[in-house]
C-alpha atoms as a PDB file:
ATOM      1  CA  MET A   1       0.004   0.010  -0.017  1.00  0.00           C
ATOM      2  CA  SER A   2       1.089   3.535  -0.546  1.00  0.00           C
ATOM      3  CA  ASN A   3       1.971   5.743   2.392  1.00  0.00           C
ATOM      4  CA  ASN A   4      -1.214   7.797   1.827  1.00  0.00           C
ATOM      5  CA  LEU A   5      -3.346   4.677   1.867  1.00  0.00           C
ATOM      6  CA  ASP A   6      -1.596   3.397   4.967  1.00  0.00           C
ATOM      7  CA  GLU A   7      -2.223   6.744   6.706  1.00  0.00           C
ATOM      8  CA  LEU A   8      -5.844   6.842   5.544  1.00  0.00           C
ATOM      9  CA  THR A   9      -6.411   3.293   6.772  1.00  0.00           C
ATOM     10  CA  ALA A  10      -4.822   4.052  10.152  1.00  0.00           C
ATOM     11  CA  ASP A  11      -7.017   7.142  10.518  1.00  0.00           C
ATOM     12  CA  ALA A  12     -10.114   5.222   9.515  1.00  0.00           C
ATOM     13  CA  MET A  13      -9.375   2.531  12.100  1.00  0.00           C
ATOM     14  CA  LYS A  14      -9.458   5.228  14.798  1.00  0.00           C
ATOM     15  CA  LEU A  15     -13.046   6.110  13.969  1.00  0.00           C
ATOM     16  CA  PRO A  16     -15.849   4.857  16.195  1.00  0.00           C
ATOM     17  CA  LEU A  17     -17.471   1.659  14.950  1.00  0.00           C
ATOM     18  CA  ARG A  18     -20.590   3.447  13.641  1.00  0.00           C
ATOM     19  CA  ASP A  19     -18.454   5.790  11.542  1.00  0.00           C
ATOM     20  CA  ARG A  20     -16.305   2.935  10.226  1.00  0.00           C
ATOM     21  CA  VAL A  21     -19.468   1.071   9.207  1.00  0.00           C
ATOM     22  CA  GLN A  22     -20.774   4.121   7.363  1.00  0.00           C
ATOM     23  CA  LEU A  23     -17.438   4.626   5.638  1.00  0.00           C
ATOM     24  CA  ALA A  24     -17.335   0.988   4.589  1.00  0.00           C
ATOM     25  CA  GLN A  25     -20.876   1.214   3.213  1.00  0.00           C
ATOM     26  CA  ARG A  26     -19.992   4.288   1.220  1.00  0.00           C
ATOM     27  CA  LEU A  27     -16.893   2.685  -0.219  1.00  0.00           C
ATOM     28  CA  VAL A  28     -18.721  -0.505  -1.128  1.00  0.00           C
ATOM     29  CA  SER A  29     -21.493   1.445  -2.794  1.00  0.00           C
ATOM     30  CA  THR A  30     -18.989   3.110  -5.107  1.00  0.00           C
ATOM     31  CA  ILE A  31     -17.670  -0.286  -6.092  1.00  0.00           C
ATOM     32  CA  ASP A  32     -21.186  -1.625  -6.690  1.00  0.00           C
ATOM     33  CA  ASP A  33     -21.901   1.296  -9.029  1.00  0.00           C
ATOM     34  CA  GLU A  34     -18.742   0.645 -11.056  1.00  0.00           C
ATOM     35  CA  VAL A  35     -19.344  -3.081 -11.226  1.00  0.00           C
ATOM     36  CA  GLU A  36     -22.974  -2.565 -12.293  1.00  0.00           C
ATOM     37  CA  THR A  37     -21.909  -0.187 -15.044  1.00  0.00           C
ATOM     38  CA  ASP A  38     -19.227  -2.586 -16.333  1.00  0.00           C
ATOM     39  CA  THR A  39     -21.568  -5.555 -16.054  1.00  0.00           C
ATOM     40  CA  GLU A  40     -24.307  -3.789 -17.941  1.00  0.00           C
ATOM     41  CA  ALA A  41     -21.941  -2.881 -20.781  1.00  0.00           C
ATOM     42  CA  LEU A  42     -20.674  -6.506 -20.978  1.00  0.00           C
ATOM     43  CA  TRP A  43     -24.206  -7.889 -21.122  1.00  0.00           C
ATOM     44  CA  PHE A  44     -25.233  -5.390 -23.782  1.00  0.00           C
ATOM     45  CA  ALA A  45     -22.223  -6.424 -25.873  1.00  0.00           C
ATOM     46  CA  GLU A  46     -23.056 -10.090 -25.386  1.00  0.00           C
ATOM     47  CA  ALA A  47     -26.682  -9.494 -26.428  1.00  0.00           C
ATOM     48  CA  GLU A  48     -25.529  -7.732 -29.551  1.00  0.00           C
ATOM     49  CA  ARG A  49     -23.088 -10.544 -30.403  1.00  0.00           C
ATOM     50  CA  ARG A  50     -25.857 -13.153 -29.979  1.00  0.00           C
ATOM     51  CA  LEU A  51     -28.278 -11.154 -32.083  1.00  0.00           C
ATOM     52  CA  GLU A  52     -25.710 -10.909 -34.841  1.00  0.00           C
ATOM     53  CA  GLU A  53     -25.121 -14.681 -34.666  1.00  0.00           C
ATOM     54  CA  LEU A  54     -28.915 -15.254 -35.075  1.00  0.00           C
ATOM     55  CA  ARG A  55     -29.190 -12.791 -37.946  1.00  0.00           C
ATOM     56  CA  SER A  56     -26.197 -14.227 -39.766  1.00  0.00           C
ATOM     57  CA  GLY A  57     -27.486 -17.755 -39.421  1.00  0.00           C
ATOM     58  CA  SER A  58     -24.331 -19.008 -37.647  1.00  0.00           C
ATOM     59  CA  VAL A  59     -26.545 -20.190 -34.804  1.00  0.00           C
ATOM     60  CA  GLU A  60     -30.120 -21.329 -34.655  1.00  0.00           C
ATOM     61  CA  GLY A  61     -32.486 -20.168 -31.929  1.00  0.00           C
ATOM     62  CA  ILE A  62     -34.500 -22.563 -29.779  1.00  0.00           C
ATOM     63  CA  ASP A  63     -37.967 -22.211 -28.342  1.00  0.00           C
ATOM     64  CA  SER A  64     -37.960 -20.761 -24.792  1.00  0.00           C
ATOM     65  CA  ASP A  65     -40.101 -23.681 -23.540  1.00  0.00           C
ATOM     66  CA  GLU A  66     -37.445 -26.114 -24.774  1.00  0.00           C
ATOM     67  CA  ALA A  67     -34.653 -24.024 -23.210  1.00  0.00           C
ATOM     68  CA  PHE A  68     -36.396 -23.881 -19.826  1.00  0.00           C
ATOM     69  CA  ARG A  69     -37.194 -27.603 -19.957  1.00  0.00           C
ATOM     70  CA  THR A  70     -33.579 -28.457 -20.680  1.00  0.00           C
ATOM     71  CA  ALA A  71     -32.371 -26.181 -17.932  1.00  0.00           C
ATOM     72  CA  ARG A  72     -34.749 -27.791 -15.397  1.00  0.00           C
ATOM     73  CA  GLU A  73     -33.542 -31.254 -16.389  1.00  0.00           C
ATOM     74  CA  ILE A  74     -29.961 -30.223 -15.929  1.00  0.00           C
ATOM     75  CA  LEU A  75     -30.645 -28.649 -12.550  1.00  0.00           C
ATOM     76  CA  LYS A  76     -32.455 -31.738 -11.299  1.00  0.00           C
ATOM     77  CA  GLY A  77     -29.354 -33.742 -12.033  1.00  0.00           C
END
């Protein structure tokens, strides 16, 4: 860790429990926001890739009932 981060961590550890919890929640929420944004972009790209595969004919779609039936069978083991 950098010296600044070490100092910040040491200062944060001196905070009362309630304040440390609030700080942790704020830090985690910023990570969640970034992860959600990245995840959304990845899913959008995946959806576009799959749509292109369907349109080009390189893959063939299957009926949703069949897909769910297959998934249930796999999950049942």
